[in-house]
Amino acid sequence: MRVRRVVVTVSFFLIALMWVIFNPASYDVIFSEVGNEGADYAAEAVSVADENTPLATEILEKIEVKGRAPKTGYSREEFYSGWPTVDGCSLRQKIIKREFGDSAVLDGCNVMAGEFEEPYTGEYKKFSSREEISKGIQIDHVVALSDAWQKGAQYLEREKRYEIATDPLNLLAVDAVANEKKSDGDAATWLPSNKRFRCQYVARQVSVKYKYGLWVTEAEKTAISNILINCPQEPAVGV
């Protein structure tokens, strides 16, 4: 009797293992349920498209839906080896300056102080030194490079991957702790705690993926759609 139970248990395990192997998209569903820790998808509509701007919902429907490809071979160096210099200044500094706006205090190319409403947390942050900025701010790839790699970028030319990594459309200056929590998650596994920014956040992800011919998983598309229900007039960005 005991031997029979062991055989049944082992058989069940092998069947489950084979199911996962041949249904890799199931990882997305499992990870999605855990990643947001029960957070709802509520968001506020904060912007409205004009008649010449495509809606994020329209762009989403044009993106291919596929399972996640293997992460094999991924490294950041497959995209870029560091922040490039643009018009004589580091791209990192230019993105921080863009976010700080008129409050940015500059020493040449370097942002030494400034303040802004941080998008991922919604907190208003002030920085009085370059050291504070370096510790508190990271430049996030809105579509994480690892996520991009697993959803089409590994099949692109290296020059195109470089564009994904350095396109200002895919870059935001954000809270360092929030960015570390996001890691390489997509919309199905991580969303900003600042619900007022979620519409803009997923609209930007959709725009980047459409621009570079990347795909979304079924779980990711569902998560994005659940956000955009709250803001059907949210415009796409830069497409």
C-alpha atoms as a PDB file:
ATOM      1  CA  MET A   1       0.000   0.000   0.000  1.00  0.00           C
ATOM      2  CA  ARG A   2       2.808   2.375   0.946  1.00  0.00           C
ATOM      3  CA  VAL A   3       4.663   1.546  -2.282  1.00  0.00           C
ATOM      4  CA  ARG A   4       1.534   2.316  -4.282  1.00  0.00           C
ATOM      5  CA  ARG A   5       1.196   5.726  -2.624  1.00  0.00           C
ATOM      6  CA  VAL A   6       4.813   6.538  -3.469  1.00  0.00           C
ATOM      7  CA  VAL A   7       4.278   5.524  -7.091  1.00  0.00           C
ATOM      8  CA  VAL A   8       1.143   7.684  -7.338  1.00  0.00           C
ATOM      9  CA  THR A   9       2.918  10.664  -5.754  1.00  0.00           C
ATOM     10  CA  VAL A  10       5.921  10.372  -8.076  1.00  0.00           C
ATOM     11  CA  SER A  11       3.646  10.008 -11.091  1.00  0.00           C
ATOM     12  CA  PHE A  12       1.697  13.116 -10.143  1.00  0.00           C
ATOM     13  CA  PHE A  13       4.923  15.068  -9.683  1.00  0.00           C
ATOM     14  CA  LEU A  14       6.228  14.003 -13.099  1.00  0.00           C
ATOM     15  CA  ILE A  15       2.952  14.974 -14.774  1.00  0.00           C
ATOM     16  CA  ALA A  16       3.020  18.395 -13.093  1.00  0.00           C
ATOM     17  CA  LEU A  17       6.657  18.897 -14.077  1.00  0.00           C
ATOM     18  CA  MET A  18       5.961  18.061 -17.721  1.00  0.00           C
ATOM     19  CA  TRP A  19       2.993  20.435 -17.749  1.00  0.00           C
ATOM     20  CA  VAL A  20       5.154  23.329 -16.571  1.00  0.00           C
ATOM     21  CA  ILE A  21       7.886  22.510 -19.094  1.00  0.00           C
ATOM     22  CA  PHE A  22       5.474  22.526 -22.005  1.00  0.00           C
ATOM     23  CA  ASN A  23       3.454  25.486 -20.711  1.00  0.00           C
ATOM     24  CA  PRO A  24       6.086  28.116 -19.832  1.00  0.00           C
ATOM     25  CA  ALA A  25       3.485  30.894 -19.880  1.00  0.00           C
ATOM     26  CA  SER A  26       2.173  29.453 -16.629  1.00  0.00           C
ATOM     27  CA  TYR A  27       5.118  31.048 -14.880  1.00  0.00           C
ATOM     28  CA  ASP A  28       3.620  34.434 -15.740  1.00  0.00           C
ATOM     29  CA  VAL A  29       0.331  33.619 -14.014  1.00  0.00           C
ATOM     30  CA  ILE A  30       1.993  32.270 -10.873  1.00  0.00           C
ATOM     31  CA  PHE A  31       4.434  35.159 -10.653  1.00  0.00           C
ATOM     32  CA  SER A  32       1.724  37.701 -11.339  1.00  0.00           C
ATOM     33  CA  GLU A  33      -0.356  36.580  -8.386  1.00  0.00           C
ATOM     34  CA  VAL A  34       2.592  36.771  -6.025  1.00  0.00           C
ATOM     35  CA  GLY A  35       4.347  39.843  -7.373  1.00  0.00           C
ATOM     36  CA  ASN A  36       1.808  42.535  -6.511  1.00  0.00           C
ATOM     37  CA  GLU A  37       1.012  41.046  -3.120  1.00  0.00           C
ATOM     38  CA  GLY A  38      -2.725  41.524  -3.573  1.00  0.00           C
ATOM     39  CA  ALA A  39      -2.510  45.157  -4.686  1.00  0.00           C
ATOM     40  CA  ASP A  40      -5.459  46.246  -6.784  1.00  0.00           C
ATOM     41  CA  TYR A  41      -5.066  47.768 -10.219  1.00  0.00           C
ATOM     42  CA  ALA A  42      -6.844  51.032  -9.419  1.00  0.00           C
ATOM     43  CA  ALA A  43      -5.499  54.081 -11.166  1.00  0.00           C
ATOM     44  CA  GLU A  44      -6.534  57.627 -11.914  1.00  0.00           C
ATOM     45  CA  ALA A  45      -6.807  59.149 -15.362  1.00  0.00           C
ATOM     46  CA  VAL A  46      -4.279  61.970 -15.361  1.00  0.00           C
ATOM     47  CA  SER A  47      -3.898  62.850 -19.019  1.00  0.00           C
ATOM     48  CA  VAL A  48      -6.038  62.828 -22.147  1.00  0.00           C
ATOM     49  CA  ALA A  49      -4.950  62.222 -25.728  1.00  0.00           C
ATOM     50  CA  ASP A  50      -5.636  64.835 -28.386  1.00  0.00           C
ATOM     51  CA  GLU A  51      -7.105  63.856 -31.730  1.00  0.00           C
ATOM     52  CA  ASN A  52      -3.663  63.311 -33.284  1.00  0.00           C
ATOM     53  CA  THR A  53      -2.274  61.093 -30.526  1.00  0.00           C
ATOM     54  CA  PRO A  54      -2.946  57.343 -30.475  1.00  0.00           C
ATOM     55  CA  LEU A  55      -4.403  55.915 -27.285  1.00  0.00           C
ATOM     56  CA  ALA A  56      -2.401  53.509 -25.172  1.00  0.00           C
ATOM     57  CA  THR A  57      -5.280  51.011 -25.495  1.00  0.00           C
ATOM     58  CA  GLU A  58      -5.026  51.185 -29.287  1.00  0.00           C
ATOM     59  CA  ILE A  59      -1.276  50.627 -29.243  1.00  0.00           C
ATOM     60  CA  LEU A  60      -1.635  47.726 -26.805  1.00  0.00           C
ATOM     61  CA  GLU A  61      -3.884  45.899 -29.265  1.00  0.00           C
ATOM     62  CA  LYS A  62      -1.168  46.153 -31.924  1.00  0.00           C
ATOM     63  CA  ILE A  63       1.453  44.384 -29.774  1.00  0.00           C
ATOM     64  CA  GLU A  64       1.953  40.668 -30.229  1.00  0.00           C
ATOM     65  CA  VAL A  65       1.074  38.395 -27.304  1.00  0.00           C
ATOM     66  CA  LYS A  66       3.509  35.527 -26.741  1.00  0.00           C
ATOM     67  CA  GLY A  67       5.115  33.526 -23.973  1.00  0.00           C
ATOM     68  CA  ARG A  68       8.316  34.671 -22.323  1.00  0.00           C
ATOM     69  CA  ALA A  69      11.476  33.491 -24.133  1.00  0.00           C
ATOM     70  CA  PRO A  70      14.422  32.041 -22.146  1.00  0.00           C
ATOM     71  CA  LYS A  71      16.693  34.491 -20.334  1.00  0.00           C
ATOM     72  CA  THR A  72      19.731  32.564 -21.595  1.00  0.00           C
ATOM     73  CA  GLY A  73      22.548  34.855 -22.701  1.00  0.00           C
ATOM     74  CA  TYR A  74      21.178  37.991 -21.063  1.00  0.00           C
ATOM     75  CA  SER A  75      23.461  40.657 -19.633  1.00  0.00           C
ATOM     76  CA  ARG A  76      23.213  44.442 -19.577  1.00  0.00           C
ATOM     77  CA  GLU A  77      26.273  44.522 -21.817  1.00  0.00           C
ATOM     78  CA  GLU A  78      24.102  43.005 -24.550  1.00  0.00           C
ATOM     79  CA  PHE A  79      22.372  46.409 -24.590  1.00  0.00           C
ATOM     80  CA  TYR A  80      24.991  48.933 -23.484  1.00  0.00           C
ATOM     81  CA  SER A  81      28.128  49.249 -21.404  1.00  0.00           C
ATOM     82  CA  GLY A  82      27.278  52.465 -19.566  1.00  0.00           C
ATOM     83  CA  TRP A  83      25.569  55.814 -19.915  1.00  0.00           C
ATOM     84  CA  PRO A  84      26.575  57.494 -23.179  1.00  0.00           C
ATOM     85  CA  THR A  85      27.509  61.132 -23.552  1.00  0.00           C
ATOM     86  CA  VAL A  86      24.836  63.209 -25.248  1.00  0.00           C
ATOM     87  CA  ASP A  87      25.631  66.810 -26.255  1.00  0.00           C
ATOM     88  CA  GLY A  88      28.694  66.652 -24.002  1.00  0.00           C
ATOM     89  CA  CYS A  89      26.848  65.416 -20.912  1.00  0.00           C
ATOM     90  CA  SER A  90      26.113  62.014 -19.398  1.00  0.00           C
ATOM     91  CA  LEU A  91      22.683  60.735 -20.340  1.00  0.00           C
ATOM     92  CA  ARG A  92      22.078  59.930 -16.663  1.00  0.00           C
ATOM     93  CA  GLN A  93      22.546  63.588 -15.715  1.00  0.00           C
ATOM     94  CA  LYS A  94      20.337  64.737 -18.571  1.00  0.00           C
ATOM     95  CA  ILE A  95      17.486  62.482 -17.419  1.00  0.00           C
ATOM     96  CA  ILE A  96      17.793  63.743 -13.828  1.00  0.00           C
ATOM     97  CA  LYS A  97      17.800  67.328 -15.092  1.00  0.00           C
ATOM     98  CA  ARG A  98      14.702  66.601 -17.187  1.00  0.00           C
ATOM     99  CA  GLU A  99      12.847  65.298 -14.123  1.00  0.00           C
ATOM    100  CA  PHE A 100      13.999  68.086 -11.773  1.00  0.00           C
ATOM    101  CA  GLY A 101      13.050  70.750 -14.310  1.00  0.00           C
ATOM    102  CA  ASP A 102      13.698  74.359 -13.336  1.00  0.00           C
ATOM    103  CA  SER A 103      14.684  73.334  -9.796  1.00  0.00           C
ATOM    104  CA  ALA A 104      17.858  71.608 -11.043  1.00  0.00           C
ATOM    105  CA  VAL A 105      21.076  73.231  -9.768  1.00  0.00           C
ATOM    106  CA  LEU A 106      23.885  72.477 -12.208  1.00  0.00           C
ATOM    107  CA  ASP A 107      27.660  72.396 -12.051  1.00  0.00           C
ATOM    108  CA  GLY A 108      28.438  72.028 -15.710  1.00  0.00           C
ATOM    109  CA  CYS A 109      26.680  68.827 -16.733  1.00  0.00           C
ATOM    110  CA  ASN A 110      26.194  67.524 -13.201  1.00  0.00           C
ATOM    111  CA  VAL A 111      22.969  68.011 -11.250  1.00  0.00           C
ATOM    112  CA  MET A 112      24.006  69.084  -7.754  1.00  0.00           C
ATOM    113  CA  ALA A 113      20.588  69.730  -6.209  1.00  0.00           C
ATOM    114  CA  GLY A 114      16.913  69.891  -7.044  1.00  0.00           C
ATOM    115  CA  GLU A 115      13.445  68.653  -6.224  1.00  0.00           C
ATOM    116  CA  PHE A 116      10.572  66.862  -7.897  1.00  0.00           C
ATOM    117  CA  GLU A 117       7.514  64.699  -7.332  1.00  0.00           C
ATOM    118  CA  GLU A 118       8.924  61.199  -7.586  1.00  0.00           C
ATOM    119  CA  PRO A 119       6.611  59.182  -9.874  1.00  0.00           C
ATOM    120  CA  TYR A 120       6.791  55.670  -8.396  1.00  0.00           C
ATOM    121  CA  THR A 121       6.039  56.666  -4.786  1.00  0.00           C
ATOM    122  CA  GLY A 122       4.278  60.001  -5.334  1.00  0.00           C
ATOM    123  CA  GLU A 123       6.495  61.587  -2.661  1.00  0.00           C
ATOM    124  CA  TYR A 124       7.914  65.082  -3.084  1.00  0.00           C
ATOM    125  CA  LYS A 125      11.664  64.805  -2.764  1.00  0.00           C
ATOM    126  CA  LYS A 126      14.342  67.442  -2.257  1.00  0.00           C
ATOM    127  CA  PHE A 127      18.062  66.911  -2.737  1.00  0.00           C
ATOM    128  CA  SER A 128      20.743  69.317  -1.555  1.00  0.00           C
ATOM    129  CA  SER A 129      23.868  67.560  -2.833  1.00  0.00           C
ATOM    130  CA  ARG A 130      25.062  65.327  -5.628  1.00  0.00           C
ATOM    131  CA  GLU A 131      25.762  62.632  -3.034  1.00  0.00           C
ATOM    132  CA  GLU A 132      22.111  62.646  -1.921  1.00  0.00           C
ATOM    133  CA  ILE A 133      20.996  62.359  -5.529  1.00  0.00           C
ATOM    134  CA  SER A 134      23.366  59.452  -6.191  1.00  0.00           C
ATOM    135  CA  LYS A 135      22.038  57.547  -3.174  1.00  0.00           C
ATOM    136  CA  GLY A 136      18.366  58.360  -3.548  1.00  0.00           C
ATOM    137  CA  ILE A 137      17.801  58.343  -7.308  1.00  0.00           C
ATOM    138  CA  GLN A 138      18.242  55.653  -9.929  1.00  0.00           C
ATOM    139  CA  ILE A 139      17.537  55.806 -13.642  1.00  0.00           C
ATOM    140  CA  ASP A 140      14.963  53.127 -14.373  1.00  0.00           C
ATOM    141  CA  HIS A 141      14.418  51.387 -17.669  1.00  0.00           C
ATOM    142  CA  VAL A 142      10.623  51.495 -17.735  1.00  0.00           C
ATOM    143  CA  VAL A 143      10.716  48.324 -19.804  1.00  0.00           C
ATOM    144  CA  ALA A 144      13.409  46.474 -17.893  1.00  0.00           C
ATOM    145  CA  LEU A 145      16.264  45.278 -20.091  1.00  0.00           C
ATOM    146  CA  SER A 146      15.896  41.693 -18.879  1.00  0.00           C
ATOM    147  CA  ASP A 147      12.191  41.820 -19.680  1.00  0.00           C
ATOM    148  CA  ALA A 148      12.952  43.281 -23.104  1.00  0.00           C
ATOM    149  CA  TRP A 149      15.500  40.507 -23.709  1.00  0.00           C
ATOM    150  CA  GLN A 150      12.915  37.799 -22.991  1.00  0.00           C
ATOM    151  CA  LYS A 151      10.273  39.471 -25.160  1.00  0.00           C
ATOM    152  CA  GLY A 152      12.069  39.995 -28.418  1.00  0.00           C
ATOM    153  CA  ALA A 153      15.180  42.110 -27.873  1.00  0.00           C
ATOM    154  CA  GLN A 154      17.553  39.133 -27.999  1.00  0.00           C
ATOM    155  CA  TYR A 155      16.557  38.695 -31.639  1.00  0.00           C
ATOM    156  CA  LEU A 156      17.254  42.338 -32.563  1.00  0.00           C
ATOM    157  CA  GLU A 157      20.473  43.847 -33.869  1.00  0.00           C
ATOM    158  CA  ARG A 158      22.829  45.098 -31.158  1.00  0.00           C
ATOM    159  CA  GLU A 159      22.359  48.688 -32.365  1.00  0.00           C
ATOM    160  CA  LYS A 160      18.613  48.402 -31.795  1.00  0.00           C
ATOM    161  CA  ARG A 161      19.139  47.008 -28.280  1.00  0.00           C
ATOM    162  CA  TYR A 162      21.401  49.973 -27.587  1.00  0.00           C
ATOM    163  CA  GLU A 163      18.539  52.268 -28.586  1.00  0.00           C
ATOM    164  CA  ILE A 164      16.191  50.514 -26.149  1.00  0.00           C
ATOM    165  CA  ALA A 165      18.676  51.035 -23.308  1.00  0.00           C
ATOM    166  CA  THR A 166      19.370  54.703 -24.053  1.00  0.00           C
ATOM    167  CA  ASP A 167      16.062  56.003 -25.418  1.00  0.00           C
ATOM    168  CA  PRO A 168      14.760  58.766 -23.109  1.00  0.00           C
ATOM    169  CA  LEU A 169      11.281  57.335 -23.710  1.00  0.00           C
ATOM    170  CA  ASN A 170      12.373  54.270 -21.709  1.00  0.00           C
ATOM    171  CA  LEU A 171      14.157  56.175 -18.950  1.00  0.00           C
ATOM    172  CA  LEU A 172      12.838  57.757 -15.741  1.00  0.00           C
ATOM    173  CA  ALA A 173      14.634  59.157 -12.681  1.00  0.00           C
ATOM    174  CA  VAL A 174      12.971  57.376  -9.763  1.00  0.00           C
ATOM    175  CA  ASP A 175      13.295  56.476  -6.098  1.00  0.00           C
ATOM    176  CA  ALA A 176      16.162  54.004  -5.656  1.00  0.00           C
ATOM    177  CA  VAL A 177      14.314  51.737  -3.208  1.00  0.00           C
ATOM    178  CA  ALA A 178      11.198  51.539  -5.400  1.00  0.00           C
ATOM    179  CA  ASN A 179      13.320  50.755  -8.433  1.00  0.00           C
ATOM    180  CA  GLU A 180      15.105  47.940  -6.623  1.00  0.00           C
ATOM    181  CA  LYS A 181      11.738  46.456  -5.650  1.00  0.00           C
ATOM    182  CA  LYS A 182      10.645  46.580  -9.266  1.00  0.00           C
ATOM    183  CA  SER A 183      13.820  44.775 -10.386  1.00  0.00           C
ATOM    184  CA  ASP A 184      13.091  43.367 -13.873  1.00  0.00           C
ATOM    185  CA  GLY A 185       9.351  42.995 -13.373  1.00  0.00           C
ATOM    186  CA  ASP A 186       6.735  43.740 -15.998  1.00  0.00           C
ATOM    187  CA  ALA A 187       3.259  45.170 -15.347  1.00  0.00           C
ATOM    188  CA  ALA A 188       1.979  41.738 -14.300  1.00  0.00           C
ATOM    189  CA  THR A 189       4.514  41.464 -11.495  1.00  0.00           C
ATOM    190  CA  TRP A 190       5.105  45.050 -10.342  1.00  0.00           C
ATOM    191  CA  LEU A 191       3.270  48.365 -10.387  1.00  0.00           C
ATOM    192  CA  PRO A 192       4.172  51.705  -8.798  1.00  0.00           C
ATOM    193  CA  SER A 193       2.670  52.206  -5.346  1.00  0.00           C
ATOM    194  CA  ASN A 194       1.669  55.661  -6.591  1.00  0.00           C
ATOM    195  CA  LYS A 195      -1.689  54.814  -8.192  1.00  0.00           C
ATOM    196  CA  ARG A 196      -1.935  58.259  -9.783  1.00  0.00           C
ATOM    197  CA  PHE A 197       1.027  57.367 -11.994  1.00  0.00           C
ATOM    198  CA  ARG A 198      -0.030  53.887 -13.080  1.00  0.00           C
ATOM    199  CA  CYS A 199      -1.858  55.004 -16.228  1.00  0.00           C
ATOM    200  CA  GLN A 200       1.170  56.918 -17.452  1.00  0.00           C
ATOM    201  CA  TYR A 201       3.481  54.096 -16.395  1.00  0.00           C
ATOM    202  CA  VAL A 202       1.772  51.355 -18.408  1.00  0.00           C
ATOM    203  CA  ALA A 203       1.201  53.734 -21.330  1.00  0.00           C
ATOM    204  CA  ARG A 204       4.947  54.315 -21.474  1.00  0.00           C
ATOM    205  CA  GLN A 205       5.669  50.581 -21.282  1.00  0.00           C
ATOM    206  CA  VAL A 206       3.209  49.924 -24.108  1.00  0.00           C
ATOM    207  CA  SER A 207       4.779  52.705 -26.173  1.00  0.00           C
ATOM    208  CA  VAL A 208       8.318  51.378 -25.739  1.00  0.00           C
ATOM    209  CA  LYS A 209       7.322  47.812 -26.597  1.00  0.00           C
ATOM    210  CA  TYR A 210       5.426  48.923 -29.684  1.00  0.00           C
ATOM    211  CA  LYS A 211       8.241  51.208 -30.850  1.00  0.00           C
ATOM    212  CA  TYR A 212      10.819  48.410 -30.711  1.00  0.00           C
ATOM    213  CA  GLY A 213       8.653  45.499 -31.793  1.00  0.00           C
ATOM    214  CA  LEU A 214       8.718  43.724 -28.425  1.00  0.00           C
ATOM    215  CA  TRP A 215       5.872  41.530 -27.265  1.00  0.00           C
ATOM    216  CA  VAL A 216       3.828  41.126 -24.074  1.00  0.00           C
ATOM    217  CA  THR A 217       2.683  38.008 -22.255  1.00  0.00           C
ATOM    218  CA  GLU A 218      -0.995  37.278 -21.720  1.00  0.00           C
ATOM    219  CA  ALA A 219      -0.683  38.048 -18.002  1.00  0.00           C
ATOM    220  CA  GLU A 220       1.072  41.317 -18.770  1.00  0.00           C
ATOM    221  CA  LYS A 221      -1.548  42.406 -21.280  1.00  0.00           C
ATOM    222  CA  THR A 222      -4.298  41.625 -18.774  1.00  0.00           C
ATOM    223  CA  ALA A 223      -2.592  43.702 -16.083  1.00  0.00           C
ATOM    224  CA  ILE A 224      -2.108  46.649 -18.440  1.00  0.00           C
ATOM    225  CA  SER A 225      -5.701  46.422 -19.663  1.00  0.00           C
ATOM    226  CA  ASN A 226      -6.948  46.442 -16.063  1.00  0.00           C
ATOM    227  CA  ILE A 227      -5.096  49.711 -15.503  1.00  0.00           C
ATOM    228  CA  LEU A 228      -6.233  51.364 -18.727  1.00  0.00           C
ATOM    229  CA  ILE A 229      -9.892  50.590 -17.972  1.00  0.00           C
ATOM    230  CA  ASN A 230      -9.624  53.468 -15.499  1.00  0.00           C
ATOM    231  CA  CYS A 231      -8.125  55.832 -18.076  1.00  0.00           C
ATOM    232  CA  PRO A 232      -9.293  54.866 -21.575  1.00  0.00           C
ATOM    233  CA  GLN A 233      -8.149  58.231 -22.977  1.00  0.00           C
ATOM    234  CA  GLU A 234      -4.567  57.818 -21.742  1.00  0.00           C
ATOM    235  CA  PRO A 235      -2.294  58.675 -24.680  1.00  0.00           C
ATOM    236  CA  ALA A 236       0.600  56.612 -25.912  1.00  0.00           C
ATOM    237  CA  VAL A 237       3.985  58.333 -25.626  1.00  0.00           C
ATOM    238  CA  GLY A 238       6.418  59.041 -28.434  1.00  0.00           C
ATOM    239  CA  VAL A 239       4.824  56.761 -31.044  1.00  0.00           C
END
